[in-house]
């Protein structure tokens, strides 16, 4: 097999600073890139058009619109993957779905590295941070898929999407980035807005966590699933912070390879530890096709996110 000739040094193009991307795959764009992509707005009045900053140059504007289209399509693909996870969770345990996704993403990532002519191991100086990022992302995905299997889809989504708040708080502590009182105020309103719009059942049902009965297995599983979703959100934020250490020159396929390998190894021993029971897939195109689609959708979603 031909040895890769070296790491791709092509920089990732920055995106407008006002565009915020949130999904279950941790963003591969650093904070410096995030800041580099936008213009400083001096107009104190709010305009809807200012939510997305586009270049005045027509050619650049076309590329930016195309990039935003890729980001939108990426969000749709990842949302579709979540819906399939929820659908399959009635048949398969969550670890099996994560393993199916990662075992599909791993060969696709290796193929992508070969076609892009990059080293799947990444640059020597940042391999430790790529590993830490992939480990945090694999743990976040495993916990998120478990919560999706136990909670209504919208409930798990609401809990997981407090991730940006965690990211800002951790960045202010670990990276000494600014976190003002207004940032905290906006973060609080962001979280409250998500809760009020989505109305998760664990807050709005007649039976809430405040009436938790230790003998009620359903309530215990629901509480544990909520805790898993919160932990998944926190681990996703930790993975985001490590991007600062990885840098901008690591190809997206390298991240895919690391994630696929680590997530597979992380979930492989679960049935042997009797944490969840293995369910053999039936030899039909329906179940096997859905498992395959989860891996393909997640792979394409992560790739288009980075390209966008």
Protein backbone atom coordinates (compact mmCIF):
# COMPACT_ATOMS: atom_id res chain seq x y z
CA UNK A 1 0.00 0.00 0.00
CA UNK A 2 1.36 3.38 -0.93
CA UNK A 3 2.45 5.45 2.04
CA UNK A 4 0.79 8.88 2.34
CA UNK A 5 3.21 11.57 1.20
CA UNK A 6 2.34 14.03 3.92
CA UNK A 7 -0.29 15.99 5.77
CA UNK A 8 -2.55 18.31 3.83
CA UNK A 9 -1.66 21.85 4.82
CA UNK A 10 -4.62 23.52 3.20
CA UNK A 11 -6.18 25.91 5.67
CA UNK A 12 -9.85 25.71 6.47
CA UNK A 13 -11.66 28.75 5.12
CA UNK A 14 -13.18 30.85 7.90
CA UNK A 15 -16.90 31.39 8.09
CA UNK A 16 -18.81 34.52 9.04
CA UNK A 17 -18.43 35.29 12.72
CA UNK A 18 -22.17 35.64 13.23
CA UNK A 19 -22.90 32.10 12.08
CA UNK A 20 -23.01 29.66 15.00
CA UNK A 21 -23.08 25.94 14.25
CA UNK A 22 -24.38 23.48 16.81
CA UNK A 23 -24.66 19.74 16.25
CA UNK A 24 -23.71 16.46 17.84
CA UNK A 25 -20.35 16.35 16.02
CA UNK A 26 -18.02 18.80 17.65
CA UNK A 27 -17.05 21.68 15.28
CA UNK A 28 -13.60 21.43 13.72
CA UNK A 29 -13.21 25.20 13.36
CA UNK A 30 -11.17 27.00 15.98
CA UNK A 31 -12.18 30.13 17.81
CA UNK A 32 -9.50 32.16 16.00
CA UNK A 33 -10.94 31.10 12.65
CA UNK A 34 -14.40 31.94 13.94
CA UNK A 35 -13.28 35.47 14.75
CA UNK A 36 -11.29 35.85 11.54
CA UNK A 37 -14.28 35.29 9.31
CA UNK A 38 -16.39 38.26 10.32
CA UNK A 39 -16.40 42.01 10.03
CA UNK A 40 -16.73 44.46 12.89
CA UNK A 41 -20.21 45.97 12.91
CA UNK A 42 -20.30 49.60 13.87
CA UNK A 43 -24.00 50.04 13.28
CA UNK A 44 -25.72 49.97 16.66
CA UNK A 45 -29.14 49.33 15.15
CA UNK A 46 -30.23 45.75 14.64
CA UNK A 47 -30.93 44.58 11.13
CA UNK A 48 -31.98 41.10 10.17
CA UNK A 49 -29.40 41.07 7.38
CA UNK A 50 -26.63 41.64 9.92
CA UNK A 51 -27.22 38.14 11.31
CA UNK A 52 -25.23 36.80 8.34
CA UNK A 53 -22.28 38.88 7.20
CA UNK A 54 -21.54 38.48 3.50
CA UNK A 55 -18.75 40.01 1.46
CA UNK A 56 -19.44 42.90 -0.90
CA UNK A 57 -17.40 41.15 -3.58
CA UNK A 58 -19.74 39.15 -5.81
CA UNK A 59 -17.42 36.16 -6.30
CA UNK A 60 -16.70 35.96 -2.59
CA UNK A 61 -20.37 36.36 -1.77
CA UNK A 62 -21.26 33.43 -4.05
CA UNK A 63 -18.72 31.23 -2.27
CA UNK A 64 -20.04 32.30 1.10
CA UNK A 65 -23.62 31.54 0.09
CA UNK A 66 -22.50 28.16 -1.20
CA UNK A 67 -20.69 27.53 2.10
CA UNK A 68 -23.79 28.43 4.10
CA UNK A 69 -25.79 26.05 1.92
CA UNK A 70 -23.35 23.27 2.78
CA UNK A 71 -23.73 24.09 6.48
CA UNK A 72 -27.50 23.92 6.20
CA UNK A 73 -27.33 20.61 4.35
CA UNK A 74 -24.91 19.30 6.98
CA UNK A 75 -27.39 20.18 9.73
CA UNK A 76 -30.15 18.34 7.88
CA UNK A 77 -27.99 15.23 7.46
CA UNK A 78 -27.03 15.12 11.14
CA UNK A 79 -30.66 15.67 12.15
CA UNK A 80 -31.65 12.77 9.92
CA UNK A 81 -29.03 10.61 11.62
CA UNK A 82 -30.55 11.46 15.02
CA UNK A 83 -34.02 10.54 13.83
CA UNK A 84 -32.72 7.18 12.59
CA UNK A 85 -30.98 6.60 15.93
CA UNK A 86 -34.27 7.20 17.73
CA UNK A 87 -36.06 4.84 15.35
CA UNK A 88 -33.52 2.04 15.73
CA UNK A 89 -33.28 2.43 19.52
CA UNK A 90 -36.48 0.42 19.83
CA UNK A 91 -34.62 -2.57 18.38
CA UNK A 92 -30.92 -2.11 19.14
CA UNK A 93 -29.09 -0.91 22.27
CA UNK A 94 -27.39 2.45 21.95
CA UNK A 95 -23.83 1.08 22.04
CA UNK A 96 -24.58 -1.08 19.02
CA UNK A 97 -25.80 1.92 17.03
CA UNK A 98 -22.68 3.91 17.98
CA UNK A 99 -20.49 0.95 17.01
CA UNK A 100 -22.25 0.64 13.65
CA UNK A 101 -21.76 4.35 12.98
CA UNK A 102 -18.09 4.38 13.97
CA UNK A 103 -17.25 1.17 12.13
CA UNK A 104 -18.72 2.72 8.96
CA UNK A 105 -17.00 6.08 9.44
CA UNK A 106 -13.57 4.50 10.03
CA UNK A 107 -13.10 2.95 6.56
CA UNK A 108 -14.71 5.98 4.93
CA UNK A 109 -12.24 8.22 6.78
CA UNK A 110 -9.30 6.05 5.73
CA UNK A 111 -10.51 6.15 2.13
CA UNK A 112 -10.84 9.93 2.37
CA UNK A 113 -7.29 10.24 3.73
CA UNK A 114 -6.00 8.12 0.83
CA UNK A 115 -7.85 10.17 -1.78
CA UNK A 116 -6.76 13.46 -0.16
CA UNK A 117 -3.20 12.15 0.19
CA UNK A 118 -2.92 12.90 3.91
CA UNK A 119 -1.51 10.90 6.79
CA UNK A 120 -4.44 9.40 8.76
CA UNK A 121 -2.39 9.69 11.95
CA UNK A 122 -2.07 13.46 11.61
CA UNK A 123 0.93 15.62 12.41
CA UNK A 124 3.21 14.27 15.13
CA UNK A 125 3.07 17.39 17.24
CA UNK A 126 -0.71 17.36 17.69
CA UNK A 127 -1.57 13.64 17.70
CA UNK A 128 -2.11 13.68 21.47
CA UNK A 129 -4.69 16.44 21.15
CA UNK A 130 -6.38 14.78 18.18
CA UNK A 131 -6.70 11.65 20.34
CA UNK A 132 -8.12 13.62 23.29
CA UNK A 133 -10.57 15.39 21.02
CA UNK A 134 -11.71 12.12 19.45
CA UNK A 135 -12.06 10.47 22.87
CA UNK A 136 -14.20 13.31 24.20
CA UNK A 137 -16.30 13.30 21.04
CA UNK A 138 -16.73 9.51 21.17
CA UNK A 139 -17.88 9.66 24.80
CA UNK A 140 -20.26 12.52 23.95
CA UNK A 141 -21.75 10.58 21.03
CA UNK A 142 -22.15 7.40 23.09
CA UNK A 143 -23.92 9.27 25.89
CA UNK A 144 -26.09 11.23 23.46
CA UNK A 145 -27.21 8.07 21.65
CA UNK A 146 -28.08 6.48 25.00
CA UNK A 147 -30.20 9.48 25.97
CA UNK A 148 -31.88 9.40 22.56
CA UNK A 149 -32.82 5.77 23.18
CA UNK A 150 -34.41 6.53 26.57
CA UNK A 151 -35.88 10.03 26.14
CA UNK A 152 -38.22 11.61 23.59
CA UNK A 153 -36.16 13.05 20.75
CA UNK A 154 -37.00 16.66 21.57
CA UNK A 155 -36.18 16.21 25.28
CA UNK A 156 -32.73 14.79 24.58
CA UNK A 157 -32.12 17.55 22.03
CA UNK A 158 -33.02 20.32 24.47
CA UNK A 159 -30.67 18.99 27.15
CA UNK A 160 -27.81 18.40 24.70
CA UNK A 161 -28.04 21.85 23.18
CA UNK A 162 -26.90 23.57 26.35
CA UNK A 163 -23.48 22.63 24.93
CA UNK A 164 -22.66 26.12 23.60
CA UNK A 165 -23.09 27.48 27.13
CA UNK A 166 -20.61 24.92 28.44
CA UNK A 167 -18.22 25.77 25.61
CA UNK A 168 -18.19 29.46 26.48
CA UNK A 169 -17.72 28.80 30.19
CA UNK A 170 -14.92 26.26 29.72
CA UNK A 171 -13.18 28.51 27.18
CA UNK A 172 -13.23 31.37 29.67
CA UNK A 173 -11.56 29.15 32.29
CA UNK A 174 -9.16 27.03 30.23
CA UNK A 175 -8.32 29.50 27.46
CA UNK A 176 -8.87 32.74 29.41
CA UNK A 177 -11.35 33.99 26.84
CA UNK A 178 -13.77 36.75 27.79
CA UNK A 179 -17.02 35.77 29.49
CA UNK A 180 -18.85 38.92 30.51
CA UNK A 181 -21.96 39.40 32.58
CA UNK A 182 -23.90 39.96 29.36
CA UNK A 183 -22.59 36.64 28.01
CA UNK A 184 -23.94 34.91 31.08
CA UNK A 185 -27.24 36.77 30.74
CA UNK A 186 -27.59 35.79 27.07
CA UNK A 187 -26.61 32.19 27.81
CA UNK A 188 -29.29 31.96 30.45
CA UNK A 189 -31.93 33.33 28.10
CA UNK A 190 -30.74 31.00 25.36
CA UNK A 191 -31.24 28.01 27.62
CA UNK A 192 -34.62 29.23 28.88
CA UNK A 193 -35.73 29.87 25.31
CA UNK A 194 -34.90 26.33 24.26
CA UNK A 195 -36.81 24.95 27.23
CA UNK A 196 -39.88 27.11 26.69
CA UNK A 197 -40.07 26.48 22.94
CA UNK A 198 -39.47 22.73 23.11
CA UNK A 199 -41.31 22.11 26.40
CA UNK A 200 -39.50 18.93 27.42
CA UNK A 201 -41.77 16.46 29.15
CA UNK A 202 -39.46 15.96 32.12
CA UNK A 203 -40.15 19.60 33.09
CA UNK A 204 -43.73 20.09 31.93
CA UNK A 205 -45.38 16.74 32.68
CA UNK A 206 -47.44 16.28 35.79
CA UNK A 207 -44.83 13.81 37.05
CA UNK A 208 -41.56 15.66 37.28
CA UNK A 209 -38.18 15.01 38.74
CA UNK A 210 -39.30 16.76 41.90
CA UNK A 211 -41.74 13.89 42.49
CA UNK A 212 -39.10 11.30 41.76
CA UNK A 213 -39.80 7.95 43.39
CA UNK A 214 -36.75 5.73 43.89
CA UNK A 215 -38.88 2.63 43.30
CA UNK A 216 -40.02 3.84 39.89
CA UNK A 217 -37.71 2.29 37.30
CA UNK A 218 -39.03 4.46 34.49
CA UNK A 219 -38.32 7.67 36.38
CA UNK A 220 -34.87 6.43 37.33
CA UNK A 221 -34.04 5.60 33.70
CA UNK A 222 -35.35 8.99 32.60
CA UNK A 223 -33.25 10.81 35.20
CA UNK A 224 -30.17 8.82 34.25
CA UNK A 225 -30.76 9.53 30.55
CA UNK A 226 -31.04 13.26 31.30
CA UNK A 227 -27.76 13.11 33.21
CA UNK A 228 -26.16 11.32 30.22
CA UNK A 229 -27.39 14.05 27.85
CA UNK A 230 -25.92 16.74 30.11
CA UNK A 231 -22.63 14.87 30.33
CA UNK A 232 -22.65 14.43 26.54
CA UNK A 233 -23.07 18.18 26.19
CA UNK A 234 -20.16 18.78 28.56
CA UNK A 235 -17.88 16.30 26.75
CA UNK A 236 -18.80 17.92 23.44
CA UNK A 237 -17.70 21.24 24.88
CA UNK A 238 -14.42 19.68 26.03
CA UNK A 239 -13.83 18.32 22.54
CA UNK A 240 -14.40 21.80 21.15
CA UNK A 241 -11.79 23.28 23.46
CA UNK A 242 -9.14 20.79 22.29
CA UNK A 243 -9.53 22.14 18.73
CA UNK A 244 -7.45 25.12 19.89
CA UNK A 245 -4.60 22.73 20.62
CA UNK A 246 -5.01 20.72 17.41
CA UNK A 247 -4.77 23.78 15.17
CA UNK A 248 -6.16 24.53 11.73
CA UNK A 249 -3.96 22.33 9.53
CA UNK A 250 -5.40 18.94 10.53
CA UNK A 251 -7.51 17.51 7.73
CA UNK A 252 -11.12 16.67 8.58
CA UNK A 253 -10.59 13.05 7.49
CA UNK A 254 -7.96 12.62 10.20
CA UNK A 255 -10.57 13.55 12.80
CA UNK A 256 -13.01 11.09 11.21
CA UNK A 257 -10.44 8.28 11.39
CA UNK A 258 -9.58 8.94 15.04
CA UNK A 259 -13.24 9.19 16.02
CA UNK A 260 -14.18 6.00 14.18
CA UNK A 261 -11.35 4.01 15.77
CA UNK A 262 -11.77 5.29 19.34
CA UNK A 263 -15.59 5.09 19.32
CA UNK A 264 -15.41 1.50 18.06
CA UNK A 265 -12.91 0.48 20.75
CA UNK A 266 -14.90 2.33 23.41
CA UNK A 267 -18.19 0.55 22.67
CA UNK A 268 -16.85 -2.89 21.76
CA UNK A 269 -16.43 -4.19 25.37
CA UNK A 270 -19.86 -2.98 26.57
CA UNK A 271 -21.74 -6.28 25.98
CA UNK A 272 -18.89 -8.26 27.57
CA UNK A 273 -19.18 -6.05 30.67
CA UNK A 274 -22.95 -6.75 30.70
CA UNK A 275 -23.78 -3.05 30.55
CA UNK A 276 -26.07 -3.62 27.57
CA UNK A 277 -27.11 -6.75 25.74
CA UNK A 278 -26.08 -7.39 22.16
CA UNK A 279 -28.93 -7.75 19.66
CA UNK A 280 -28.01 -9.52 16.43
CA UNK A 281 -29.31 -7.61 13.40
CA UNK A 282 -31.75 -9.50 11.24
CA UNK A 283 -30.58 -10.38 7.77
CA UNK A 284 -32.86 -7.93 6.03
CA UNK A 285 -32.24 -4.73 4.16
CA UNK A 286 -34.38 -2.63 6.49
CA UNK A 287 -32.32 -2.87 9.68
CA UNK A 288 -28.94 -3.20 7.98
CA UNK A 289 -29.80 -0.35 5.64
CA UNK A 290 -30.78 1.97 8.51
CA UNK A 291 -27.56 1.18 10.40
CA UNK A 292 -25.58 1.88 7.25
CA UNK A 293 -27.46 5.14 6.66
CA UNK A 294 -26.62 6.41 10.17
CA UNK A 295 -22.90 6.00 9.50
CA UNK A 296 -23.08 7.51 6.03
CA UNK A 297 -25.25 10.47 7.10
CA UNK A 298 -22.97 11.24 10.07
CA UNK A 299 -19.88 10.99 7.84
CA UNK A 300 -21.32 13.28 5.17
CA UNK A 301 -22.67 15.69 7.76
CA UNK A 302 -19.30 16.10 9.43
CA UNK A 303 -17.51 16.47 6.09
CA UNK A 304 -19.95 19.08 4.73
CA UNK A 305 -19.80 20.97 8.03
CA UNK A 306 -16.04 21.34 7.67
CA UNK A 307 -16.20 22.15 3.95
CA UNK A 308 -18.92 24.72 4.52
